[in-house]
Amino acid sequence: MSALPVLCLGLMQNFAPADQALLGTEITKTRNDGELSPQAKMRAVTVQLAKYLSADLVKKVLVNARDVFLETPSAPKAAVLEAARKQLEDQAVREAERPENAGGAEPPRALHVLLEPLG
């Protein structure tokens, strides 16, 4: 289920750092909830993504990447995870370098938690 957040966020070009942090926190809480089944976690993450990114975007990803979600789960290749992490870090650096973030503000927290499996 970690593919859905990565695919959805990959389509976002202007996702505010504060919203990134909030979404990351919500997804982390869902992942760490021992009471939820994997199916419940999947549904919760889908709702969280729809709340922050839009239901239309999440629906399009689910429909267009259907085959990805129907495949037998396997551990993502290290190179794919590393590339996704690098993209998130690069985005955080670009955000930190924007004029409105100048003056010693901390760079936004990248959503590395989205690259971890939900299991």
N, C-alpha and C. Protein backbone atom coordinates (compact mmCIF):
# COMPACT_ATOMS: atom_id res chain seq x y z
N MET A 1 0.81 -1.20 0.00
CA MET A 1 0.00 0.00 0.00
C MET A 1 0.85 1.26 0.00
N SER A 2 2.16 1.12 0.17
CA SER A 2 3.01 2.31 0.18
C SER A 2 3.09 2.95 -1.20
N ALA A 3 2.67 2.24 -2.24
CA ALA A 3 2.72 2.80 -3.59
C ALA A 3 1.71 3.93 -3.76
N LEU A 4 0.55 3.85 -3.15
CA LEU A 4 -0.48 4.87 -3.35
C LEU A 4 -0.01 6.26 -2.91
N PRO A 5 0.52 6.43 -1.69
CA PRO A 5 0.99 7.77 -1.32
C PRO A 5 2.11 8.28 -2.23
N VAL A 6 3.02 7.39 -2.61
CA VAL A 6 4.14 7.80 -3.45
C VAL A 6 3.64 8.26 -4.82
N LEU A 7 2.73 7.49 -5.41
CA LEU A 7 2.18 7.86 -6.73
C LEU A 7 1.38 9.15 -6.65
N CYS A 8 0.55 9.30 -5.63
CA CYS A 8 -0.25 10.52 -5.49
C CYS A 8 0.63 11.74 -5.30
N LEU A 9 1.59 11.63 -4.40
CA LEU A 9 2.46 12.78 -4.14
C LEU A 9 3.36 13.09 -5.32
N GLY A 10 3.68 12.09 -6.10
CA GLY A 10 4.48 12.32 -7.30
C GLY A 10 3.77 13.22 -8.30
N LEU A 11 2.45 13.24 -8.26
CA LEU A 11 1.67 14.08 -9.17
C LEU A 11 1.49 15.50 -8.65
N MET A 12 1.77 15.71 -7.38
CA MET A 12 1.58 17.03 -6.79
C MET A 12 2.81 17.90 -7.05
N GLN A 13 2.57 19.13 -7.49
CA GLN A 13 3.69 20.03 -7.73
C GLN A 13 3.80 21.09 -6.64
N ASN A 14 2.70 21.48 -6.07
CA ASN A 14 2.70 22.53 -5.06
C ASN A 14 1.96 22.04 -3.82
N PHE A 15 2.63 21.22 -3.03
CA PHE A 15 2.02 20.68 -1.83
C PHE A 15 2.73 21.35 -0.65
N ALA A 16 2.01 22.18 0.06
CA ALA A 16 2.59 23.00 1.13
C ALA A 16 3.32 22.15 2.16
N PRO A 17 4.49 22.60 2.60
CA PRO A 17 5.26 21.86 3.60
C PRO A 17 4.47 21.58 4.88
N ALA A 18 3.66 22.52 5.31
CA ALA A 18 2.86 22.30 6.53
C ALA A 18 1.87 21.15 6.32
N ASP A 19 1.26 21.11 5.13
CA ASP A 19 0.33 20.01 4.83
C ASP A 19 1.07 18.68 4.69
N GLN A 20 2.29 18.74 4.16
CA GLN A 20 3.11 17.53 4.08
C GLN A 20 3.33 16.95 5.48
N ALA A 21 3.67 17.83 6.41
CA ALA A 21 3.93 17.38 7.78
C ALA A 21 2.67 16.79 8.42
N LEU A 22 1.53 17.45 8.21
CA LEU A 22 0.27 16.94 8.77
C LEU A 22 -0.09 15.58 8.18
N LEU A 23 0.02 15.46 6.86
CA LEU A 23 -0.30 14.19 6.21
C LEU A 23 0.67 13.10 6.68
N GLY A 24 1.94 13.42 6.76
CA GLY A 24 2.93 12.47 7.24
C GLY A 24 2.62 11.98 8.65
N THR A 25 2.19 12.88 9.52
CA THR A 25 1.83 12.52 10.89
C THR A 25 0.63 11.58 10.91
N GLU A 26 -0.39 11.90 10.12
CA GLU A 26 -1.58 11.05 10.08
C GLU A 26 -1.25 9.65 9.54
N ILE A 27 -0.44 9.59 8.50
CA ILE A 27 -0.10 8.28 7.93
C ILE A 27 0.76 7.48 8.91
N THR A 28 1.65 8.15 9.61
CA THR A 28 2.47 7.46 10.62
C THR A 28 1.59 6.86 11.71
N LYS A 29 0.61 7.64 12.19
CA LYS A 29 -0.30 7.13 13.22
C LYS A 29 -1.06 5.90 12.71
N THR A 30 -1.49 5.96 11.46
CA THR A 30 -2.21 4.83 10.88
C THR A 30 -1.31 3.61 10.79
N ARG A 31 -0.10 3.79 10.32
CA ARG A 31 0.85 2.67 10.19
C ARG A 31 1.15 2.02 11.52
N ASN A 32 1.23 2.83 12.58
CA ASN A 32 1.61 2.33 13.89
C ASN A 32 0.43 1.81 14.70
N ASP A 33 -0.77 1.92 14.19
CA ASP A 33 -1.96 1.46 14.91
C ASP A 33 -2.07 -0.06 14.82
N GLY A 34 -1.76 -0.72 15.90
CA GLY A 34 -1.78 -2.17 15.94
C GLY A 34 -3.17 -2.78 15.91
N GLU A 35 -4.19 -1.97 16.12
CA GLU A 35 -5.56 -2.46 16.13
C GLU A 35 -6.15 -2.59 14.72
N LEU A 36 -5.58 -1.88 13.77
CA LEU A 36 -6.12 -1.89 12.40
C LEU A 36 -5.55 -3.03 11.57
N SER A 37 -6.42 -3.64 10.79
CA SER A 37 -5.97 -4.66 9.84
C SER A 37 -5.29 -3.95 8.66
N PRO A 38 -4.52 -4.69 7.85
CA PRO A 38 -3.91 -4.06 6.67
C PRO A 38 -4.96 -3.42 5.74
N GLN A 39 -6.13 -4.05 5.61
CA GLN A 39 -7.19 -3.48 4.77
C GLN A 39 -7.71 -2.16 5.36
N ALA A 40 -7.87 -2.11 6.67
CA ALA A 40 -8.33 -0.88 7.32
C ALA A 40 -7.29 0.22 7.18
N LYS A 41 -6.01 -0.15 7.30
CA LYS A 41 -4.94 0.83 7.11
C LYS A 41 -4.97 1.39 5.69
N MET A 42 -5.19 0.50 4.72
CA MET A 42 -5.25 0.93 3.32
C MET A 42 -6.38 1.94 3.13
N ARG A 43 -7.53 1.62 3.69
CA ARG A 43 -8.68 2.53 3.55
C ARG A 43 -8.41 3.87 4.25
N ALA A 44 -7.82 3.81 5.43
CA ALA A 44 -7.52 5.04 6.16
C ALA A 44 -6.54 5.92 5.39
N VAL A 45 -5.50 5.32 4.83
CA VAL A 45 -4.52 6.09 4.06
C VAL A 45 -5.18 6.69 2.82
N THR A 46 -6.07 5.94 2.18
CA THR A 46 -6.77 6.45 1.00
C THR A 46 -7.61 7.68 1.38
N VAL A 47 -8.30 7.61 2.50
CA VAL A 47 -9.11 8.75 2.96
C VAL A 47 -8.21 9.94 3.32
N GLN A 48 -7.09 9.67 3.99
CA GLN A 48 -6.17 10.76 4.35
C GLN A 48 -5.62 11.44 3.10
N LEU A 49 -5.25 10.65 2.10
CA LEU A 49 -4.75 11.24 0.85
C LEU A 49 -5.83 12.06 0.16
N ALA A 50 -7.05 11.55 0.14
CA ALA A 50 -8.16 12.29 -0.49
C ALA A 50 -8.41 13.61 0.25
N LYS A 51 -8.29 13.58 1.55
CA LYS A 51 -8.51 14.79 2.36
C LYS A 51 -7.49 15.88 2.02
N TYR A 52 -6.24 15.50 1.85
CA TYR A 52 -5.18 16.49 1.61
C TYR A 52 -4.94 16.78 0.14
N LEU A 53 -5.14 15.78 -0.73
CA LEU A 53 -4.76 15.95 -2.13
C LEU A 53 -5.93 16.04 -3.09
N SER A 54 -7.07 15.57 -2.71
CA SER A 54 -8.34 15.57 -3.44
C SER A 54 -8.75 14.15 -3.80
N ALA A 55 -10.02 13.91 -3.68
CA ALA A 55 -10.57 12.59 -3.99
C ALA A 55 -10.37 12.27 -5.46
N ASP A 56 -10.49 13.28 -6.33
CA ASP A 56 -10.32 13.05 -7.77
C ASP A 56 -8.92 12.54 -8.09
N LEU A 57 -7.91 13.15 -7.49
CA LEU A 57 -6.53 12.73 -7.75
C LEU A 57 -6.33 11.28 -7.28
N VAL A 58 -6.78 10.96 -6.08
CA VAL A 58 -6.60 9.61 -5.55
C VAL A 58 -7.34 8.60 -6.42
N LYS A 59 -8.55 8.95 -6.84
CA LYS A 59 -9.33 8.05 -7.70
C LYS A 59 -8.60 7.80 -9.03
N LYS A 60 -8.07 8.86 -9.62
CA LYS A 60 -7.35 8.70 -10.89
C LYS A 60 -6.13 7.79 -10.73
N VAL A 61 -5.41 7.96 -9.62
CA VAL A 61 -4.24 7.10 -9.39
C VAL A 61 -4.69 5.66 -9.21
N LEU A 62 -5.75 5.44 -8.43
CA LEU A 62 -6.23 4.07 -8.21
C LEU A 62 -6.69 3.42 -9.50
N VAL A 63 -7.36 4.19 -10.36
CA VAL A 63 -7.86 3.64 -11.62
C VAL A 63 -6.72 3.40 -12.61
N ASN A 64 -5.86 4.40 -12.77
CA ASN A 64 -4.81 4.31 -13.78
C ASN A 64 -3.65 3.40 -13.37
N ALA A 65 -3.46 3.20 -12.09
CA ALA A 65 -2.37 2.34 -11.63
C ALA A 65 -2.92 1.04 -11.04
N ARG A 66 -4.09 0.66 -11.49
CA ARG A 66 -4.79 -0.51 -10.95
C ARG A 66 -3.90 -1.75 -10.91
N ASP A 67 -3.15 -1.99 -11.98
CA ASP A 67 -2.30 -3.17 -12.05
C ASP A 67 -1.25 -3.18 -10.94
N VAL A 68 -0.75 -2.01 -10.57
CA VAL A 68 0.25 -1.92 -9.51
C VAL A 68 -0.35 -2.43 -8.20
N PHE A 69 -1.61 -2.07 -7.96
CA PHE A 69 -2.25 -2.43 -6.69
C PHE A 69 -2.74 -3.88 -6.67
N LEU A 70 -2.90 -4.49 -7.83
CA LEU A 70 -3.37 -5.86 -7.89
C LEU A 70 -2.23 -6.88 -7.87
N GLU A 71 -1.02 -6.42 -8.08
CA GLU A 71 0.14 -7.32 -8.08
C GLU A 71 0.33 -7.89 -6.68
N THR A 72 0.94 -9.07 -6.64
CA THR A 72 1.30 -9.67 -5.36
C THR A 72 2.31 -8.75 -4.69
N PRO A 73 2.08 -8.39 -3.44
CA PRO A 73 3.00 -7.47 -2.76
C PRO A 73 4.41 -8.04 -2.69
N SER A 74 5.35 -7.18 -2.94
CA SER A 74 6.75 -7.54 -2.79
C SER A 74 7.48 -6.30 -2.28
N ALA A 75 8.62 -6.52 -1.73
CA ALA A 75 9.39 -5.39 -1.22
C ALA A 75 9.86 -4.55 -2.40
N PRO A 76 9.68 -3.23 -2.31
CA PRO A 76 10.15 -2.37 -3.40
C PRO A 76 11.67 -2.46 -3.54
N LYS A 77 12.12 -2.35 -4.74
CA LYS A 77 13.56 -2.38 -5.00
C LYS A 77 14.21 -1.18 -4.31
N ALA A 78 15.38 -1.40 -3.76
CA ALA A 78 16.09 -0.36 -3.03
C ALA A 78 16.32 0.87 -3.90
N ALA A 79 16.61 0.66 -5.18
CA ALA A 79 16.87 1.80 -6.08
C ALA A 79 15.62 2.67 -6.25
N VAL A 80 14.44 2.05 -6.29
CA VAL A 80 13.19 2.81 -6.44
C VAL A 80 12.94 3.63 -5.19
N LEU A 81 13.11 3.01 -4.02
CA LEU A 81 12.92 3.75 -2.77
C LEU A 81 13.92 4.89 -2.65
N GLU A 82 15.16 4.64 -3.02
CA GLU A 82 16.17 5.68 -2.93
C GLU A 82 15.85 6.84 -3.86
N ALA A 83 15.39 6.55 -5.06
CA ALA A 83 15.01 7.61 -6.01
C ALA A 83 13.84 8.42 -5.47
N ALA A 84 12.87 7.76 -4.88
CA ALA A 84 11.72 8.47 -4.31
C ALA A 84 12.15 9.34 -3.14
N ARG A 85 13.03 8.82 -2.29
CA ARG A 85 13.53 9.62 -1.16
C ARG A 85 14.27 10.85 -1.66
N LYS A 86 15.09 10.65 -2.69
CA LYS A 86 15.85 11.77 -3.25
C LYS A 86 14.93 12.85 -3.80
N GLN A 87 13.86 12.43 -4.48
CA GLN A 87 12.91 13.41 -5.00
C GLN A 87 12.26 14.20 -3.87
N LEU A 88 11.88 13.52 -2.80
CA LEU A 88 11.28 14.22 -1.66
C LEU A 88 12.27 15.18 -1.01
N GLU A 89 13.52 14.74 -0.87
CA GLU A 89 14.54 15.61 -0.28
C GLU A 89 14.81 16.81 -1.18
N ASP A 90 14.88 16.59 -2.50
CA ASP A 90 15.10 17.70 -3.43
C ASP A 90 13.96 18.70 -3.35
N GLN A 91 12.73 18.19 -3.23
CA GLN A 91 11.58 19.08 -3.10
C GLN A 91 11.69 19.90 -1.81
N ALA A 92 12.12 19.27 -0.73
CA ALA A 92 12.27 19.97 0.54
C ALA A 92 13.33 21.07 0.42
N VAL A 93 14.42 20.76 -0.28
CA VAL A 93 15.49 21.76 -0.46
C VAL A 93 14.97 22.93 -1.29
N ARG A 94 14.25 22.62 -2.38
CA ARG A 94 13.69 23.71 -3.21
C ARG A 94 12.75 24.59 -2.39
N GLU A 95 11.92 23.96 -1.56
CA GLU A 95 10.99 24.73 -0.71
C GLU A 95 11.76 25.61 0.26
N ALA A 96 12.83 25.08 0.83
CA ALA A 96 13.61 25.84 1.81
C ALA A 96 14.32 27.02 1.15
N GLU A 97 14.65 26.90 -0.13
CA GLU A 97 15.36 27.95 -0.84
C GLU A 97 14.43 29.04 -1.37
N ARG A 98 13.13 28.82 -1.29
CA ARG A 98 12.19 29.84 -1.76
C ARG A 98 12.34 31.10 -0.91
N PRO A 99 12.16 32.27 -1.52
CA PRO A 99 12.34 33.53 -0.79
C PRO A 99 11.50 33.62 0.49
N GLU A 100 10.28 33.12 0.45
CA GLU A 100 9.42 33.24 1.64
C GLU A 100 9.89 32.34 2.79
N ASN A 101 10.80 31.41 2.50
CA ASN A 101 11.32 30.53 3.54
C ASN A 101 12.73 30.93 3.97
N ALA A 102 13.23 32.05 3.45
CA ALA A 102 14.58 32.51 3.77
C ALA A 102 14.62 33.05 5.19
N GLY A 103 15.81 33.26 5.66
CA GLY A 103 15.95 33.85 6.98
C GLY A 103 16.09 32.82 8.09
N GLY A 104 16.66 31.69 7.77
CA GLY A 104 16.92 30.71 8.81
C GLY A 104 15.79 29.76 9.12
N ALA A 105 14.72 29.81 8.35
CA ALA A 105 13.62 28.88 8.60
C ALA A 105 14.08 27.46 8.30
N GLU A 106 13.58 26.54 9.09
CA GLU A 106 13.94 25.15 8.86
C GLU A 106 13.33 24.66 7.56
N PRO A 107 14.05 23.79 6.82
CA PRO A 107 13.47 23.25 5.60
C PRO A 107 12.29 22.35 5.95
N PRO A 108 11.30 22.25 5.06
CA PRO A 108 10.14 21.41 5.35
C PRO A 108 10.53 19.95 5.47
N ARG A 109 9.78 19.25 6.29
CA ARG A 109 10.03 17.83 6.52
C ARG A 109 9.50 17.04 5.33
N ALA A 110 10.37 16.28 4.67
CA ALA A 110 9.93 15.44 3.54
C ALA A 110 9.13 14.27 4.09
N LEU A 111 8.30 13.70 3.26
CA LEU A 111 7.41 12.63 3.69
C LEU A 111 8.06 11.26 3.52
N HIS A 112 9.17 11.05 4.18
CA HIS A 112 9.86 9.76 4.10
C HIS A 112 8.99 8.65 4.63
N VAL A 113 8.09 8.95 5.55
CA VAL A 113 7.21 7.94 6.12
C VAL A 113 6.33 7.31 5.04
N LEU A 114 6.11 8.02 3.95
CA LEU A 114 5.25 7.49 2.90
C LEU A 114 5.93 6.37 2.13
N LEU A 115 7.23 6.24 2.30
CA LEU A 115 7.95 5.22 1.57
C LEU A 115 8.09 3.93 2.36
N GLU A 116 7.53 3.90 3.56
CA GLU A 116 7.59 2.70 4.39
C GLU A 116 6.34 1.87 4.18
N PRO A 117 6.47 0.55 4.21
CA PRO A 117 5.27 -0.29 4.04
C PRO A 117 4.29 -0.11 5.19
N LEU A 118 3.02 -0.33 4.91
CA LEU A 118 1.98 -0.17 5.93
C LEU A 118 1.91 -1.33 6.91
N GLY A 119 2.26 -2.53 6.50
CA GLY A 119 2.17 -3.75 7.25
C GLY A 119 1.95 -3.67 8.67
